[in-house]
PDB file of N, CA and C in Angstrom:
ATOM      1  N   MET A   1       0.820  -1.186   0.000  1.00  0.00           N
ATOM      2  CA  MET A   1       0.000   0.000   0.000  1.00  0.00           C
ATOM      3  C   MET A   1       0.877   1.269   0.000  1.00  0.00           C
ATOM      4  N   LEU A   2       1.961   1.243   0.747  1.00  0.00           N
ATOM      5  CA  LEU A   2       2.863   2.391   0.788  1.00  0.00           C
ATOM      6  C   LEU A   2       3.495   2.623  -0.579  1.00  0.00           C
ATOM      7  N   LYS A   3       3.871   1.548  -1.274  1.00  0.00           N
ATOM      8  CA  LYS A   3       4.482   1.687  -2.598  1.00  0.00           C
ATOM      9  C   LYS A   3       3.501   2.304  -3.589  1.00  0.00           C
ATOM     10  N   ALA A   4       2.234   1.904  -3.520  1.00  0.00           N
ATOM     11  CA  ALA A   4       1.225   2.475  -4.418  1.00  0.00           C
ATOM     12  C   ALA A   4       1.025   3.956  -4.121  1.00  0.00           C
ATOM     13  N   LEU A   5       1.071   4.326  -2.847  1.00  0.00           N
ATOM     14  CA  LEU A   5       0.937   5.729  -2.476  1.00  0.00           C
ATOM     15  C   LEU A   5       2.119   6.543  -2.990  1.00  0.00           C
ATOM     16  N   MET A   6       3.308   5.967  -2.916  1.00  0.00           N
ATOM     17  CA  MET A   6       4.489   6.666  -3.400  1.00  0.00           C
ATOM     18  C   MET A   6       4.389   6.918  -4.901  1.00  0.00           C
ATOM     19  N   CYS A   7       3.833   5.973  -5.659  1.00  0.00           N
ATOM     20  CA  CYS A   7       3.608   6.163  -7.092  1.00  0.00           C
ATOM     21  C   CYS A   7       2.605   7.293  -7.319  1.00  0.00           C
ATOM     22  N   LYS A   8       1.519   7.282  -6.567  1.00  0.00           N
ATOM     23  CA  LYS A   8       0.492   8.304  -6.759  1.00  0.00           C
ATOM     24  C   LYS A   8       1.010   9.693  -6.440  1.00  0.00           C
ATOM     25  N   LEU A   9       1.892   9.786  -5.459  1.00  0.00           N
ATOM     26  CA  LEU A   9       2.471  11.080  -5.099  1.00  0.00           C
ATOM     27  C   LEU A   9       3.663  11.434  -5.983  1.00  0.00           C
ATOM     28  N   ASN A  10       4.002  10.560  -6.903  1.00  0.00           N
ATOM     29  CA  ASN A  10       5.112  10.740  -7.838  1.00  0.00           C
ATOM     30  C   ASN A  10       6.452  10.905  -7.101  1.00  0.00           C
ATOM     31  N   ILE A  11       6.594  10.154  -6.012  1.00  0.00           N
ATOM     32  CA  ILE A  11       7.820  10.191  -5.219  1.00  0.00           C
ATOM     33  C   ILE A  11       8.785   9.098  -5.661  1.00  0.00           C
ATOM     34  N   ARG A  12       8.257   7.912  -5.873  1.00  0.00           N
ATOM     35  CA  ARG A  12       9.115   6.799  -6.257  1.00  0.00           C
ATOM     36  C   ARG A  12       8.336   5.808  -7.118  1.00  0.00           C
ATOM     37  N   HIS A  13       8.963   5.430  -8.216  1.00  0.00           N
ATOM     38  CA  HIS A  13       8.383   4.438  -9.121  1.00  0.00           C
ATOM     39  C   HIS A  13       9.347   3.258  -9.225  1.00  0.00           C
ATOM     40  N   GLU A  14       8.842   2.153  -9.711  1.00  0.00           N
ATOM     41  CA  GLU A  14       9.669   0.966  -9.943  1.00  0.00           C
ATOM     42  C   GLU A  14       9.869   0.841 -11.453  1.00  0.00           C
ATOM     43  N   TRP A  15      10.925   1.511 -11.968  1.00  0.00           N
ATOM     44  CA  TRP A  15      11.149   1.609 -13.403  1.00  0.00           C
ATOM     45  C   TRP A  15      11.641   0.295 -14.001  1.00  0.00           C
ATOM     46  N   HIS A  16      11.167   0.011 -15.202  1.00  0.00           N
ATOM     47  CA  HIS A  16      11.519  -1.176 -15.965  1.00  0.00           C
ATOM     48  C   HIS A  16      11.694  -0.744 -17.419  1.00  0.00           C
ATOM     49  N   VAL A  17      12.714  -1.249 -18.092  1.00  0.00           N
ATOM     50  CA  VAL A  17      12.969  -0.877 -19.484  1.00  0.00           C
ATOM     51  C   VAL A  17      12.016  -1.639 -20.403  1.00  0.00           C
ATOM     52  N   GLU A  18      11.397  -0.899 -21.303  1.00  0.00           N
ATOM     53  CA  GLU A  18      10.473  -1.459 -22.300  1.00  0.00           C
ATOM     54  C   GLU A  18      10.987  -1.099 -23.691  1.00  0.00           C
ATOM     55  N   HIS A  19      10.476  -1.780 -24.700  1.00  0.00           N
ATOM     56  CA  HIS A  19      10.856  -1.537 -26.094  1.00  0.00           C
ATOM     57  C   HIS A  19       9.633  -1.080 -26.880  1.00  0.00           C
ATOM     58  N   THR A  20       9.839  -0.106 -27.760  1.00  0.00           N
ATOM     59  CA  THR A  20       8.770   0.297 -28.670  1.00  0.00           C
ATOM     60  C   THR A  20       8.801  -0.594 -29.906  1.00  0.00           C
ATOM     61  N   GLU A  21       7.814  -0.424 -30.769  1.00  0.00           N
ATOM     62  CA  GLU A  21       7.754  -1.234 -31.988  1.00  0.00           C
ATOM     63  C   GLU A  21       8.939  -0.979 -32.909  1.00  0.00           C
ATOM     64  N   ASP A  22       9.487   0.241 -32.862  1.00  0.00           N
ATOM     65  CA  ASP A  22      10.628   0.551 -33.736  1.00  0.00           C
ATOM     66  C   ASP A  22      11.972   0.244 -33.081  1.00  0.00           C
ATOM     67  N   GLY A  23      11.967  -0.341 -31.881  1.00  0.00           N
ATOM     68  CA  GLY A  23      13.202  -0.761 -31.227  1.00  0.00           C
ATOM     69  C   GLY A  23      13.778   0.221 -30.237  1.00  0.00           C
ATOM     70  N   SER A  24      13.164   1.388 -30.070  1.00  0.00           N
ATOM     71  CA  SER A  24      13.642   2.359 -29.087  1.00  0.00           C
ATOM     72  C   SER A  24      13.353   1.855 -27.673  1.00  0.00           C
ATOM     73  N   LEU A  25      14.094   2.383 -26.724  1.00  0.00           N
ATOM     74  CA  LEU A  25      13.922   1.999 -25.335  1.00  0.00           C
ATOM     75  C   LEU A  25      13.298   3.138 -24.535  1.00  0.00           C
ATOM     76  N   TYR A  26      12.506   2.779 -23.552  1.00  0.00           N
ATOM     77  CA  TYR A  26      11.957   3.754 -22.620  1.00  0.00           C
ATOM     78  C   TYR A  26      11.711   3.050 -21.296  1.00  0.00           C
ATOM     79  N   LYS A  27      11.463   3.841 -20.243  1.00  0.00           N
ATOM     80  CA  LYS A  27      11.225   3.270 -18.925  1.00  0.00           C
ATOM     81  C   LYS A  27       9.760   3.440 -18.550  1.00  0.00           C
ATOM     82  N   ARG A  28       9.173   2.387 -17.956  1.00  0.00           N
ATOM     83  CA  ARG A  28       7.785   2.399 -17.503  1.00  0.00           C
ATOM     84  C   ARG A  28       7.726   1.819 -16.092  1.00  0.00           C
ATOM     85  N   CYS A  29       6.913   2.404 -15.244  1.00  0.00           N
ATOM     86  CA  CYS A  29       6.755   1.912 -13.874  1.00  0.00           C
ATOM     87  C   CYS A  29       5.953   0.611 -13.890  1.00  0.00           C
ATOM     88  N   LEU A  30       6.462  -0.384 -13.183  1.00  0.00           N
ATOM     89  CA  LEU A  30       5.781  -1.678 -13.133  1.00  0.00           C
ATOM     90  C   LEU A  30       4.499  -1.622 -12.297  1.00  0.00           C
ATOM     91  N   ARG A  31       4.434  -0.700 -11.346  1.00  0.00           N
ATOM     92  CA  ARG A  31       3.268  -0.623 -10.468  1.00  0.00           C
ATOM     93  C   ARG A  31       2.125   0.191 -11.063  1.00  0.00           C
ATOM     94  N   CYS A  32       2.425   1.387 -11.574  1.00  0.00           N
ATOM     95  CA  CYS A  32       1.344   2.267 -12.015  1.00  0.00           C
ATOM     96  C   CYS A  32       1.256   2.437 -13.524  1.00  0.00           C
ATOM     97  N   GLY A  33       2.299   2.030 -14.274  1.00  0.00           N
ATOM     98  CA  GLY A  33       2.266   2.110 -15.728  1.00  0.00           C
ATOM     99  C   GLY A  33       2.696   3.443 -16.308  1.00  0.00           C
ATOM    100  N   LYS A  34       3.156   4.377 -15.457  1.00  0.00           N
ATOM    101  CA  LYS A  34       3.588   5.685 -15.947  1.00  0.00           C
ATOM    102  C   LYS A  34       4.887   5.551 -16.722  1.00  0.00           C
ATOM    103  N   ASP A  35       4.983   6.299 -17.841  1.00  0.00           N
ATOM    104  CA  ASP A  35       6.225   6.355 -18.611  1.00  0.00           C
ATOM    105  C   ASP A  35       7.133   7.402 -18.001  1.00  0.00           C
ATOM    106  N   ASP A  36       8.432   7.148 -18.009  1.00  0.00           N
ATOM    107  CA  ASP A  36       9.414   8.099 -17.477  1.00  0.00           C
ATOM    108  C   ASP A  36       9.639   9.190 -18.504  1.00  0.00           C
ATOM    109  N   ASP A  37       9.318  10.415 -18.139  1.00  0.00           N
ATOM    110  CA  ASP A  37       9.493  11.528 -19.056  1.00  0.00           C
ATOM    111  C   ASP A  37      10.690  12.390 -18.689  1.00  0.00           C
ATOM    112  N   SER A  38      11.558  11.904 -17.804  1.00  0.00           N
ATOM    113  CA  SER A  38      12.723  12.694 -17.409  1.00  0.00           C
ATOM    114  C   SER A  38      13.836  12.633 -18.447  1.00  0.00           C
ATOM    115  N   GLY A  39      13.773  11.668 -19.353  1.00  0.00           N
ATOM    116  CA  GLY A  39      14.788  11.560 -20.394  1.00  0.00           C
ATOM    117  C   GLY A  39      14.551  12.571 -21.489  1.00  0.00           C
ATOM    118  N   GLY A  40      15.510  12.694 -22.362  1.00  0.00           N
ATOM    119  CA  GLY A  40      15.392  13.643 -23.451  1.00  0.00           C
ATOM    120  C   GLY A  40      14.712  13.066 -24.673  1.00  0.00           C
ATOM    121  N   GLY A  41      14.213  11.863 -24.584  1.00  0.00           N
ATOM    122  CA  GLY A  41      13.602  11.212 -25.735  1.00  0.00           C
ATOM    123  C   GLY A  41      14.661  10.506 -26.561  1.00  0.00           C
ATOM    124  N   GLY A  42      14.255   9.817 -27.586  1.00  0.00           N
ATOM    125  CA  GLY A  42      15.215   9.104 -28.431  1.00  0.00           C
ATOM    126  C   GLY A  42      15.850   7.947 -27.686  1.00  0.00           C
ATOM    127  N   LYS A  43      17.025   7.566 -28.118  1.00  0.00           N
ATOM    128  CA  LYS A  43      17.720   6.450 -27.487  1.00  0.00           C
ATOM    129  C   LYS A  43      18.597   6.975 -26.371  1.00  0.00           C
ATOM    130  N   GLY A  44      18.238   6.622 -25.141  1.00  0.00           N
ATOM    131  CA  GLY A  44      18.998   7.063 -23.979  1.00  0.00           C
ATOM    132  C   GLY A  44      20.104   6.084 -23.641  1.00  0.00           C
ATOM    133  N   ASP A  45      20.866   6.407 -22.620  1.00  0.00           N
ATOM    134  CA  ASP A  45      21.924   5.524 -22.153  1.00  0.00           C
ATOM    135  C   ASP A  45      21.344   4.605 -21.091  1.00  0.00           C
ATOM    136  N   PHE A  46      20.999   3.405 -21.487  1.00  0.00           N
ATOM    137  CA  PHE A  46      20.416   2.436 -20.564  1.00  0.00           C
ATOM    138  C   PHE A  46      21.434   1.375 -20.167  1.00  0.00           C
ATOM    139  N   SER A  47      22.733   1.708 -20.221  1.00  0.00           N
ATOM    140  CA  SER A  47      23.757   0.733 -19.906  1.00  0.00           C
ATOM    141  C   SER A  47      23.643   0.234 -18.466  1.00  0.00           C
ATOM    142  N   ALA A  48      23.155   1.073 -17.566  1.00  0.00           N
ATOM    143  CA  ALA A  48      22.958   0.643 -16.180  1.00  0.00           C
ATOM    144  C   ALA A  48      21.826  -0.370 -16.089  1.00  0.00           C
ATOM    145  N   TRP A  49      20.884  -0.310 -17.016  1.00  0.00           N
ATOM    146  CA  TRP A  49      19.746  -1.213 -16.998  1.00  0.00           C
ATOM    147  C   TRP A  49      20.076  -2.554 -17.655  1.00  0.00           C
ATOM    148  N   VAL A  50      20.802  -2.546 -18.739  1.00  0.00           N
ATOM    149  CA  VAL A  50      21.036  -3.782 -19.473  1.00  0.00           C
ATOM    150  C   VAL A  50      22.304  -4.494 -19.058  1.00  0.00           C
ATOM    151  N   GLY A  51      23.199  -3.817 -18.407  1.00  0.00           N
ATOM    152  CA  GLY A  51      24.417  -4.467 -17.901  1.00  0.00           C
ATOM    153  C   GLY A  51      25.524  -4.526 -18.924  1.00  0.00           C
ATOM    154  N   PRO A  52      26.673  -5.084 -18.541  1.00  0.00           N
ATOM    155  CA  PRO A  52      27.844  -5.077 -19.398  1.00  0.00           C
ATOM    156  C   PRO A  52      27.750  -6.039 -20.579  1.00  0.00           C
ATOM    157  N   THR A  53      26.840  -7.014 -20.546  1.00  0.00           N
ATOM    158  CA  THR A  53      26.743  -7.983 -21.624  1.00  0.00           C
ATOM    159  C   THR A  53      25.887  -7.498 -22.773  1.00  0.00           C
ATOM    160  N   GLY A  54      25.192  -6.370 -22.573  1.00  0.00           N
ATOM    161  CA  GLY A  54      24.344  -5.847 -23.641  1.00  0.00           C
ATOM    162  C   GLY A  54      22.937  -6.373 -23.615  1.00  0.00           C
ATOM    163  N   GLY A  55      22.543  -7.067 -22.543  1.00  0.00           N
ATOM    164  CA  GLY A  55      21.146  -7.441 -22.377  1.00  0.00           C
ATOM    165  C   GLY A  55      20.875  -8.828 -22.785  1.00  0.00           C
TER     166      GLY A  55
END
């Protein structure tokens, strides 16, 4: 319940990397479904998400 409240207050989300149909990457919250709009759009640096092996 606390995690859902944090999502609603836009304090903390549980981000997960998703793929668009054209192969671009973006982040979406697993709990509330919100897309992360803090990036500049396009292909971001998701190396922290995919790891050193490239996913």
